Full PDB file with SEQRES, HELIX, SHEET, SSBOND, CRYST1, ORIGX, SCALE, CONECT and MASTER records, all heavy atoms in Angstrom:
SEQRES   1 A   32  ILE HIS PRO GLU ALA VAL ALA HIS VAL LEU ASN GLY ALA          
SEQRES   2 A   32  VAL MET ALA GLN VAL MET TRP LEU ALA ASP GLU GLY THR          
SEQRES   3 A   32  THR PRO ASP ARG ARG ALA                                      
HELIX    1 AA1 PRO A    3  GLU A   24  1                                  22    
HELIX    2 AA2 PRO A   28  ARG A   31  1                                   4    
CRYST1    1.000    1.000    1.000  90.00  90.00  90.00 P 1           1          
ORIGX1      1.000000  0.000000  0.000000        0.00000                         
ORIGX2      0.000000  1.000000  0.000000        0.00000                         
ORIGX3      0.000000  0.000000  1.000000        0.00000                         
SCALE1      1.000000  0.000000  0.000000        0.00000                         
SCALE2      0.000000  1.000000  0.000000        0.00000                         
SCALE3      0.000000  0.000000  1.000000        0.00000                         
ATOM      1  N   ILE A   1      13.302  -4.698  14.880  1.00  0.00           N  
ATOM      2  CA  ILE A   1      12.172  -3.714  15.226  1.00  0.00           C  
ATOM      3  C   ILE A   1      10.996  -4.747  15.651  1.00  0.00           C  
ATOM      4  O   ILE A   1      10.889  -5.821  15.132  1.00  0.00           O  
ATOM      5  CB  ILE A   1      11.752  -2.866  14.052  1.00  0.00           C  
ATOM      6  CG1 ILE A   1      12.958  -2.032  13.582  1.00  0.00           C  
ATOM      7  CG2 ILE A   1      10.599  -1.932  14.471  1.00  0.00           C  
ATOM      8  CD1 ILE A   1      12.709  -1.297  12.319  1.00  0.00           C  
ATOM      9  N   HIS A   2      10.167  -4.241  16.549  1.00  0.00           N  
ATOM     10  CA  HIS A   2       9.055  -5.017  17.053  1.00  0.00           C  
ATOM     11  C   HIS A   2       8.222  -5.555  15.876  1.00  0.00           C  
ATOM     12  O   HIS A   2       7.743  -4.792  15.020  1.00  0.00           O  
ATOM     13  CB  HIS A   2       8.165  -4.189  17.969  1.00  0.00           C  
ATOM     14  CG  HIS A   2       7.262  -4.954  18.787  1.00  0.00           C  
ATOM     15  ND1 HIS A   2       6.203  -5.639  18.283  1.00  0.00           N  
ATOM     16  CD2 HIS A   2       7.263  -5.235  20.102  1.00  0.00           C  
ATOM     17  CE1 HIS A   2       5.501  -6.277  19.290  1.00  0.00           C  
ATOM     18  NE2 HIS A   2       6.080  -6.007  20.358  1.00  0.00           N  
ATOM     19  N   PRO A   3       8.106  -6.918  15.762  1.00  0.00           N  
ATOM     20  CA  PRO A   3       7.376  -7.404  14.628  1.00  0.00           C  
ATOM     21  C   PRO A   3       5.988  -6.915  14.374  1.00  0.00           C  
ATOM     22  O   PRO A   3       5.590  -6.753  13.250  1.00  0.00           O  
ATOM     23  CB  PRO A   3       7.366  -8.993  14.905  1.00  0.00           C  
ATOM     24  CG  PRO A   3       8.553  -9.107  15.799  1.00  0.00           C  
ATOM     25  CD  PRO A   3       8.588  -7.966  16.647  1.00  0.00           C  
ATOM     26  N   GLU A   4       5.225  -6.761  15.455  1.00  0.00           N  
ATOM     27  CA  GLU A   4       3.912  -6.299  15.360  1.00  0.00           C  
ATOM     28  C   GLU A   4       3.830  -4.885  14.798  1.00  0.00           C  
ATOM     29  O   GLU A   4       2.915  -4.520  14.003  1.00  0.00           O  
ATOM     30  CB  GLU A   4       3.117  -6.381  16.673  1.00  0.00           C  
ATOM     31  CG  GLU A   4       1.669  -6.182  16.536  1.00  0.00           C  
ATOM     32  CD  GLU A   4       0.895  -6.549  17.837  1.00  0.00           C  
ATOM     33  OE1 GLU A   4       1.414  -7.212  18.637  1.00  0.00           O  
ATOM     34  OE2 GLU A   4      -0.336  -6.117  17.846  1.00  0.00           O  
ATOM     35  N   ALA A   5       4.715  -4.048  15.289  1.00  0.00           N  
ATOM     36  CA  ALA A   5       4.806  -2.693  14.751  1.00  0.00           C  
ATOM     37  C   ALA A   5       5.116  -2.710  13.260  1.00  0.00           C  
ATOM     38  O   ALA A   5       4.508  -1.934  12.443  1.00  0.00           O  
ATOM     39  CB  ALA A   5       5.829  -1.897  15.507  1.00  0.00           C  
ATOM     40  N   VAL A   6       6.017  -3.522  12.848  1.00  0.00           N  
ATOM     41  CA  VAL A   6       6.421  -3.623  11.459  1.00  0.00           C  
ATOM     42  C   VAL A   6       5.252  -4.099  10.580  1.00  0.00           C  
ATOM     43  O   VAL A   6       4.887  -3.620   9.505  1.00  0.00           O  
ATOM     44  CB  VAL A   6       7.606  -4.528  11.203  1.00  0.00           C  
ATOM     45  CG1 VAL A   6       7.882  -4.703   9.742  1.00  0.00           C  
ATOM     46  CG2 VAL A   6       8.786  -4.005  11.901  1.00  0.00           C  
ATOM     47  N   ALA A   7       4.482  -5.131  11.144  1.00  0.00           N  
ATOM     48  CA  ALA A   7       3.350  -5.679  10.419  1.00  0.00           C  
ATOM     49  C   ALA A   7       2.289  -4.589  10.233  1.00  0.00           C  
ATOM     50  O   ALA A   7       1.666  -4.501   9.126  1.00  0.00           O  
ATOM     51  CB  ALA A   7       2.791  -6.826  11.239  1.00  0.00           C  
ATOM     52  N   HIS A   8       2.058  -3.781  11.221  1.00  0.00           N  
ATOM     53  CA  HIS A   8       1.083  -2.685  11.005  1.00  0.00           C  
ATOM     54  C   HIS A   8       1.538  -1.679   9.948  1.00  0.00           C  
ATOM     55  O   HIS A   8       0.684  -1.261   9.118  1.00  0.00           O  
ATOM     56  CB  HIS A   8       0.835  -1.933  12.345  1.00  0.00           C  
ATOM     57  CG  HIS A   8      -0.102  -2.580  13.264  1.00  0.00           C  
ATOM     58  ND1 HIS A   8      -1.453  -2.866  12.991  1.00  0.00           N  
ATOM     59  CD2 HIS A   8       0.115  -3.171  14.501  1.00  0.00           C  
ATOM     60  CE1 HIS A   8      -1.987  -3.438  13.990  1.00  0.00           C  
ATOM     61  NE2 HIS A   8      -1.069  -3.626  14.935  1.00  0.00           N  
ATOM     62  N   VAL A   9       2.837  -1.385   9.941  1.00  0.00           N  
ATOM     63  CA  VAL A   9       3.342  -0.486   8.955  1.00  0.00           C  
ATOM     64  C   VAL A   9       3.160  -1.058   7.512  1.00  0.00           C  
ATOM     65  O   VAL A   9       2.640  -0.383   6.616  1.00  0.00           O  
ATOM     66  CB  VAL A   9       4.857  -0.136   9.150  1.00  0.00           C  
ATOM     67  CG1 VAL A   9       5.432   0.524   7.941  1.00  0.00           C  
ATOM     68  CG2 VAL A   9       4.915   0.740  10.406  1.00  0.00           C  
ATOM     69  N   LEU A  10       3.552  -2.361   7.324  1.00  0.00           N  
ATOM     70  CA  LEU A  10       3.378  -2.964   6.014  1.00  0.00           C  
ATOM     71  C   LEU A  10       2.005  -3.186   5.593  1.00  0.00           C  
ATOM     72  O   LEU A  10       1.668  -2.950   4.419  1.00  0.00           O  
ATOM     73  CB  LEU A  10       4.193  -4.311   6.044  1.00  0.00           C  
ATOM     74  CG  LEU A  10       5.689  -4.267   6.289  1.00  0.00           C  
ATOM     75  CD1 LEU A  10       6.282  -5.701   6.395  1.00  0.00           C  
ATOM     76  CD2 LEU A  10       6.342  -3.533   5.122  1.00  0.00           C  
ATOM     77  N   ASN A  11       1.168  -3.541   6.532  1.00  0.00           N  
ATOM     78  CA  ASN A  11      -0.237  -3.735   6.190  1.00  0.00           C  
ATOM     79  C   ASN A  11      -0.829  -2.385   5.736  1.00  0.00           C  
ATOM     80  O   ASN A  11      -1.521  -2.418   4.791  1.00  0.00           O  
ATOM     81  CB  ASN A  11      -0.939  -4.224   7.497  1.00  0.00           C  
ATOM     82  CG  ASN A  11      -1.988  -5.379   7.149  1.00  0.00           C  
ATOM     83  OD1 ASN A  11      -2.026  -5.826   6.069  1.00  0.00           O  
ATOM     84  ND2 ASN A  11      -2.648  -5.785   8.180  1.00  0.00           N  
ATOM     85  N   GLY A  12      -0.578  -1.384   6.509  1.00  0.00           N  
ATOM     86  CA  GLY A  12      -1.148  -0.020   6.150  1.00  0.00           C  
ATOM     87  C   GLY A  12      -0.570   0.450   4.861  1.00  0.00           C  
ATOM     88  O   GLY A  12      -1.372   1.087   4.002  1.00  0.00           O  
ATOM     89  N   ALA A  13       0.762   0.182   4.532  1.00  0.00           N  
ATOM     90  CA  ALA A  13       1.318   0.598   3.335  1.00  0.00           C  
ATOM     91  C   ALA A  13       0.677  -0.030   2.052  1.00  0.00           C  
ATOM     92  O   ALA A  13       0.284   0.659   1.102  1.00  0.00           O  
ATOM     93  CB  ALA A  13       2.888   0.287   3.285  1.00  0.00           C  
ATOM     94  N   VAL A  14       0.538  -1.359   2.093  1.00  0.00           N  
ATOM     95  CA  VAL A  14      -0.043  -2.014   0.968  1.00  0.00           C  
ATOM     96  C   VAL A  14      -1.504  -1.662   0.796  1.00  0.00           C  
ATOM     97  O   VAL A  14      -2.013  -1.584  -0.340  1.00  0.00           O  
ATOM     98  CB  VAL A  14       0.141  -3.567   0.996  1.00  0.00           C  
ATOM     99  CG1 VAL A  14      -0.725  -4.187   2.052  1.00  0.00           C  
ATOM    100  CG2 VAL A  14      -0.002  -4.181  -0.275  1.00  0.00           C  
ATOM    101  N   MET A  15      -2.263  -1.544   1.920  1.00  0.00           N  
ATOM    102  CA  MET A  15      -3.671  -1.090   1.822  1.00  0.00           C  
ATOM    103  C   MET A  15      -3.740   0.332   1.286  1.00  0.00           C  
ATOM    104  O   MET A  15      -4.648   0.537   0.370  1.00  0.00           O  
ATOM    105  CB  MET A  15      -4.312  -1.257   3.144  1.00  0.00           C  
ATOM    106  CG  MET A  15      -5.792  -1.392   3.084  1.00  0.00           C  
ATOM    107  SD  MET A  15      -6.399  -2.759   2.019  1.00  0.00           S  
ATOM    108  CE  MET A  15      -5.620  -4.135   2.928  1.00  0.00           C  
ATOM    109  N   ALA A  16      -2.883   1.232   1.696  1.00  0.00           N  
ATOM    110  CA  ALA A  16      -3.022   2.559   1.128  1.00  0.00           C  
ATOM    111  C   ALA A  16      -2.699   2.563  -0.296  1.00  0.00           C  
ATOM    112  O   ALA A  16      -3.294   3.320  -1.100  1.00  0.00           O  
ATOM    113  CB  ALA A  16      -2.004   3.425   1.943  1.00  0.00           C  
ATOM    114  N   GLN A  17      -1.695   1.767  -0.722  1.00  0.00           N  
ATOM    115  CA  GLN A  17      -1.272   1.731  -2.135  1.00  0.00           C  
ATOM    116  C   GLN A  17      -2.460   1.206  -2.994  1.00  0.00           C  
ATOM    117  O   GLN A  17      -2.715   1.781  -4.003  1.00  0.00           O  
ATOM    118  CB  GLN A  17      -0.119   0.806  -2.339  1.00  0.00           C  
ATOM    119  CG  GLN A  17       1.133   1.355  -1.763  1.00  0.00           C  
ATOM    120  CD  GLN A  17       1.791   2.504  -2.628  1.00  0.00           C  
ATOM    121  OE1 GLN A  17       1.077   3.254  -3.261  1.00  0.00           O  
ATOM    122  NE2 GLN A  17       3.069   2.530  -2.589  1.00  0.00           N  
ATOM    123  N   VAL A  18      -3.079   0.128  -2.528  1.00  0.00           N  
ATOM    124  CA  VAL A  18      -4.156  -0.451  -3.289  1.00  0.00           C  
ATOM    125  C   VAL A  18      -5.315   0.493  -3.387  1.00  0.00           C  
ATOM    126  O   VAL A  18      -6.067   0.528  -4.397  1.00  0.00           O  
ATOM    127  CB  VAL A  18      -4.472  -1.867  -2.811  1.00  0.00           C  
ATOM    128  CG1 VAL A  18      -5.415  -1.842  -1.618  1.00  0.00           C  
ATOM    129  CG2 VAL A  18      -5.105  -2.794  -3.901  1.00  0.00           C  
ATOM    130  N   MET A  19      -5.611   1.172  -2.331  1.00  0.00           N  
ATOM    131  CA  MET A  19      -6.759   2.115  -2.364  1.00  0.00           C  
ATOM    132  C   MET A  19      -6.445   3.271  -3.284  1.00  0.00           C  
ATOM    133  O   MET A  19      -7.286   3.763  -3.948  1.00  0.00           O  
ATOM    134  CB  MET A  19      -6.974   2.662  -0.848  1.00  0.00           C  
ATOM    135  CG  MET A  19      -7.586   1.660   0.087  1.00  0.00           C  
ATOM    136  SD  MET A  19      -9.202   1.073  -0.360  1.00  0.00           S  
ATOM    137  CE  MET A  19     -10.155   2.535   0.178  1.00  0.00           C  
ATOM    138  N   TRP A  20      -5.212   3.783  -3.295  1.00  0.00           N  
ATOM    139  CA  TRP A  20      -4.755   4.835  -4.258  1.00  0.00           C  
ATOM    140  C   TRP A  20      -4.988   4.384  -5.675  1.00  0.00           C  
ATOM    141  O   TRP A  20      -5.555   5.121  -6.420  1.00  0.00           O  
ATOM    142  CB  TRP A  20      -3.327   5.147  -3.896  1.00  0.00           C  
ATOM    143  CG  TRP A  20      -2.714   6.134  -4.862  1.00  0.00           C  
ATOM    144  CD1 TRP A  20      -3.156   7.383  -5.119  1.00  0.00           C  
ATOM    145  CD2 TRP A  20      -1.515   5.909  -5.689  1.00  0.00           C  
ATOM    146  NE1 TRP A  20      -2.277   7.974  -6.081  1.00  0.00           N  
ATOM    147  CE2 TRP A  20      -1.361   7.092  -6.487  1.00  0.00           C  
ATOM    148  CE3 TRP A  20      -0.704   4.885  -5.820  1.00  0.00           C  
ATOM    149  CZ2 TRP A  20      -0.286   7.253  -7.370  1.00  0.00           C  
ATOM    150  CZ3 TRP A  20       0.409   5.010  -6.738  1.00  0.00           C  
ATOM    151  CH2 TRP A  20       0.571   6.167  -7.460  1.00  0.00           C  
ATOM    152  N   LEU A  21      -4.544   3.107  -5.942  1.00  0.00           N  
ATOM    153  CA  LEU A  21      -4.637   2.675  -7.352  1.00  0.00           C  
ATOM    154  C   LEU A  21      -6.164   2.442  -7.697  1.00  0.00           C  
ATOM    155  O   LEU A  21      -6.493   2.680  -8.806  1.00  0.00           O  
ATOM    156  CB  LEU A  21      -3.786   1.352  -7.450  1.00  0.00           C  
ATOM    157  CG  LEU A  21      -2.316   1.582  -7.393  1.00  0.00           C  
ATOM    158  CD1 LEU A  21      -1.685   0.189  -7.376  1.00  0.00           C  
ATOM    159  CD2 LEU A  21      -1.813   2.342  -8.570  1.00  0.00           C  
ATOM    160  N   ALA A  22      -6.883   1.948  -6.772  1.00  0.00           N  
ATOM    161  CA  ALA A  22      -8.342   1.709  -7.007  1.00  0.00           C  
ATOM    162  C   ALA A  22      -9.085   2.999  -7.340  1.00  0.00           C  
ATOM    163  O   ALA A  22      -9.907   3.043  -8.152  1.00  0.00           O  
ATOM    164  CB  ALA A  22      -8.955   0.964  -5.974  1.00  0.00           C  
ATOM    165  N   ASP A  23      -8.634   3.996  -6.594  1.00  0.00           N  
ATOM    166  CA  ASP A  23      -9.425   5.361  -6.666  1.00  0.00           C  
ATOM    167  C   ASP A  23      -8.904   6.183  -7.900  1.00  0.00           C  
ATOM    168  O   ASP A  23      -9.729   6.770  -8.650  1.00  0.00           O  
ATOM    169  CB  ASP A  23      -9.140   6.238  -5.371  1.00  0.00           C  
ATOM    170  CG  ASP A  23      -9.965   5.672  -4.227  1.00  0.00           C  
ATOM    171  OD1 ASP A  23     -10.904   4.884  -4.494  1.00  0.00           O  
ATOM    172  OD2 ASP A  23      -9.615   6.038  -3.108  1.00  0.00           O  
ATOM    173  N   GLU A  24      -7.602   6.117  -8.148  1.00  0.00           N  
ATOM    174  CA  GLU A  24      -7.029   7.055  -9.162  1.00  0.00           C  
ATOM    175  C   GLU A  24      -6.842   6.310 -10.512  1.00  0.00           C  
ATOM    176  O   GLU A  24      -6.580   6.971 -11.486  1.00  0.00           O  
ATOM    177  CB  GLU A  24      -5.682   7.572  -8.686  1.00  0.00           C  
ATOM    178  CG  GLU A  24      -5.803   8.344  -7.372  1.00  0.00           C  
ATOM    179  CD  GLU A  24      -6.655   9.599  -7.528  1.00  0.00           C  
ATOM    180  OE1 GLU A  24      -6.730  10.140  -8.656  1.00  0.00           O  
ATOM    181  OE2 GLU A  24      -7.305  10.086  -6.530  1.00  0.00           O  
ATOM    182  N   GLY A  25      -6.967   4.966 -10.540  1.00  0.00           N  
ATOM    183  CA  GLY A  25      -6.736   4.288 -11.812  1.00  0.00           C  
ATOM    184  C   GLY A  25      -5.429   3.539 -11.738  1.00  0.00           C  
ATOM    185  O   GLY A  25      -4.412   4.053 -11.331  1.00  0.00           O  
ATOM    186  N   THR A  26      -5.486   2.327 -12.360  1.00  0.00           N  
ATOM    187  CA  THR A  26      -4.292   1.434 -12.312  1.00  0.00           C  
ATOM    188  C   THR A  26      -3.547   1.582 -13.623  1.00  0.00           C  
ATOM    189  O   THR A  26      -3.375   0.560 -14.304  1.00  0.00           O  
ATOM    190  CB  THR A  26      -4.670   0.001 -12.051  1.00  0.00           C  
ATOM    191  OG1 THR A  26      -5.650  -0.406 -12.935  1.00  0.00           O  
ATOM    192  CG2 THR A  26      -5.257  -0.079 -10.614  1.00  0.00           C  
ATOM    193  N   THR A  27      -3.008   2.726 -13.928  1.00  0.00           N  
ATOM    194  CA  THR A  27      -2.201   2.893 -15.115  1.00  0.00           C  
ATOM    195  C   THR A  27      -0.846   2.196 -14.882  1.00  0.00           C  
ATOM    196  O   THR A  27      -0.421   1.986 -13.777  1.00  0.00           O  
ATOM    197  CB  THR A  27      -1.907   4.338 -15.459  1.00  0.00           C  
ATOM    198  OG1 THR A  27      -1.172   4.915 -14.427  1.00  0.00           O  
ATOM    199  CG2 THR A  27      -3.291   5.088 -15.632  1.00  0.00           C  
ATOM    200  N   PRO A  28      -0.145   1.758 -15.915  1.00  0.00           N  
ATOM    201  CA  PRO A  28       1.193   1.117 -15.683  1.00  0.00           C  
ATOM    202  C   PRO A  28       2.091   1.920 -14.905  1.00  0.00           C  
ATOM    203  O   PRO A  28       2.851   1.386 -14.040  1.00  0.00           O  
ATOM    204  CB  PRO A  28       1.568   0.932 -17.172  1.00  0.00           C  
ATOM    205  CG  PRO A  28       0.397   0.787 -18.019  1.00  0.00           C  
ATOM    206  CD  PRO A  28      -0.529   1.700 -17.286  1.00  0.00           C  
ATOM    207  N   ASP A  29       2.081   3.245 -15.133  1.00  0.00           N  
ATOM    208  CA  ASP A  29       3.034   4.149 -14.425  1.00  0.00           C  
ATOM    209  C   ASP A  29       2.710   4.105 -12.888  1.00  0.00           C  
ATOM    210  O   ASP A  29       3.599   4.081 -12.030  1.00  0.00           O  
ATOM    211  CB  ASP A  29       3.054   5.518 -14.902  1.00  0.00           C  
ATOM    212  CG  ASP A  29       3.681   5.661 -16.220  1.00  0.00           C  
ATOM    213  OD1 ASP A  29       4.504   4.683 -16.683  1.00  0.00           O  
ATOM    214  OD2 ASP A  29       3.564   6.696 -16.922  1.00  0.00           O  
ATOM    215  N   ARG A  30       1.420   4.256 -12.578  1.00  0.00           N  
ATOM    216  CA  ARG A  30       0.992   4.262 -11.129  1.00  0.00           C  
ATOM    217  C   ARG A  30       1.337   2.972 -10.462  1.00  0.00           C  
ATOM    218  O   ARG A  30       1.790   2.848  -9.353  1.00  0.00           O  
ATOM    219  CB  ARG A  30      -0.481   4.568 -11.049  1.00  0.00           C  
ATOM    220  CG  ARG A  30      -0.854   6.035 -11.321  1.00  0.00           C  
ATOM    221  CD  ARG A  30      -2.311   6.219 -11.041  1.00  0.00           C  
ATOM    222  NE  ARG A  30      -2.690   7.596 -11.432  1.00  0.00           N  
ATOM    223  CZ  ARG A  30      -2.581   8.618 -10.537  1.00  0.00           C  
ATOM    224  NH1 ARG A  30      -2.141   8.351  -9.337  1.00  0.00           N  
ATOM    225  NH2 ARG A  30      -2.990   9.868 -10.823  1.00  0.00           N  
ATOM    226  N   ARG A  31       0.983   1.842 -11.182  1.00  0.00           N  
ATOM    227  CA  ARG A  31       1.285   0.509 -10.605  1.00  0.00           C  
ATOM    228  C   ARG A  31       2.820   0.335 -10.358  1.00  0.00           C  
ATOM    229  O   ARG A  31       3.216  -0.168  -9.327  1.00  0.00           O  
ATOM    230  CB  ARG A  31       0.678  -0.545 -11.443  1.00  0.00           C  
ATOM    231  CG  ARG A  31       0.738  -1.937 -10.755  1.00  0.00           C  
ATOM    232  CD  ARG A  31      -0.134  -2.943 -11.469  1.00  0.00           C  
ATOM    233  NE  ARG A  31      -1.548  -2.596 -11.509  1.00  0.00           N  
ATOM    234  CZ  ARG A  31      -2.476  -3.542 -11.599  1.00  0.00           C  
ATOM    235  NH1 ARG A  31      -2.135  -4.854 -11.537  1.00  0.00           N  
ATOM    236  NH2 ARG A  31      -3.725  -3.231 -11.652  1.00  0.00           N  
ATOM    237  N   ALA A  32       3.587   0.742 -11.350  1.00  0.00           N  
ATOM    238  CA  ALA A  32       5.008   0.582 -11.147  1.00  0.00           C  
ATOM    239  C   ALA A  32       5.520   1.478  -9.973  1.00  0.00           C  
ATOM    240  O   ALA A  32       6.423   1.025  -9.171  1.00  0.00           O  
ATOM    241  CB  ALA A  32       5.726   1.038 -12.427  1.00  0.00           C  
TER     242      ALA A  32                                                      
MASTER        0    0    0    2    0    0    0    6  241    1    0    3          
END                                                                             
């Protein structure tokens, strides 16, 4: 798959995850 397209997907995924955890709380279950 086009590397730049994949990079945008991965970048967005990890940023969305970290924002979710920062907003909702980093409980062990959420982090897992």
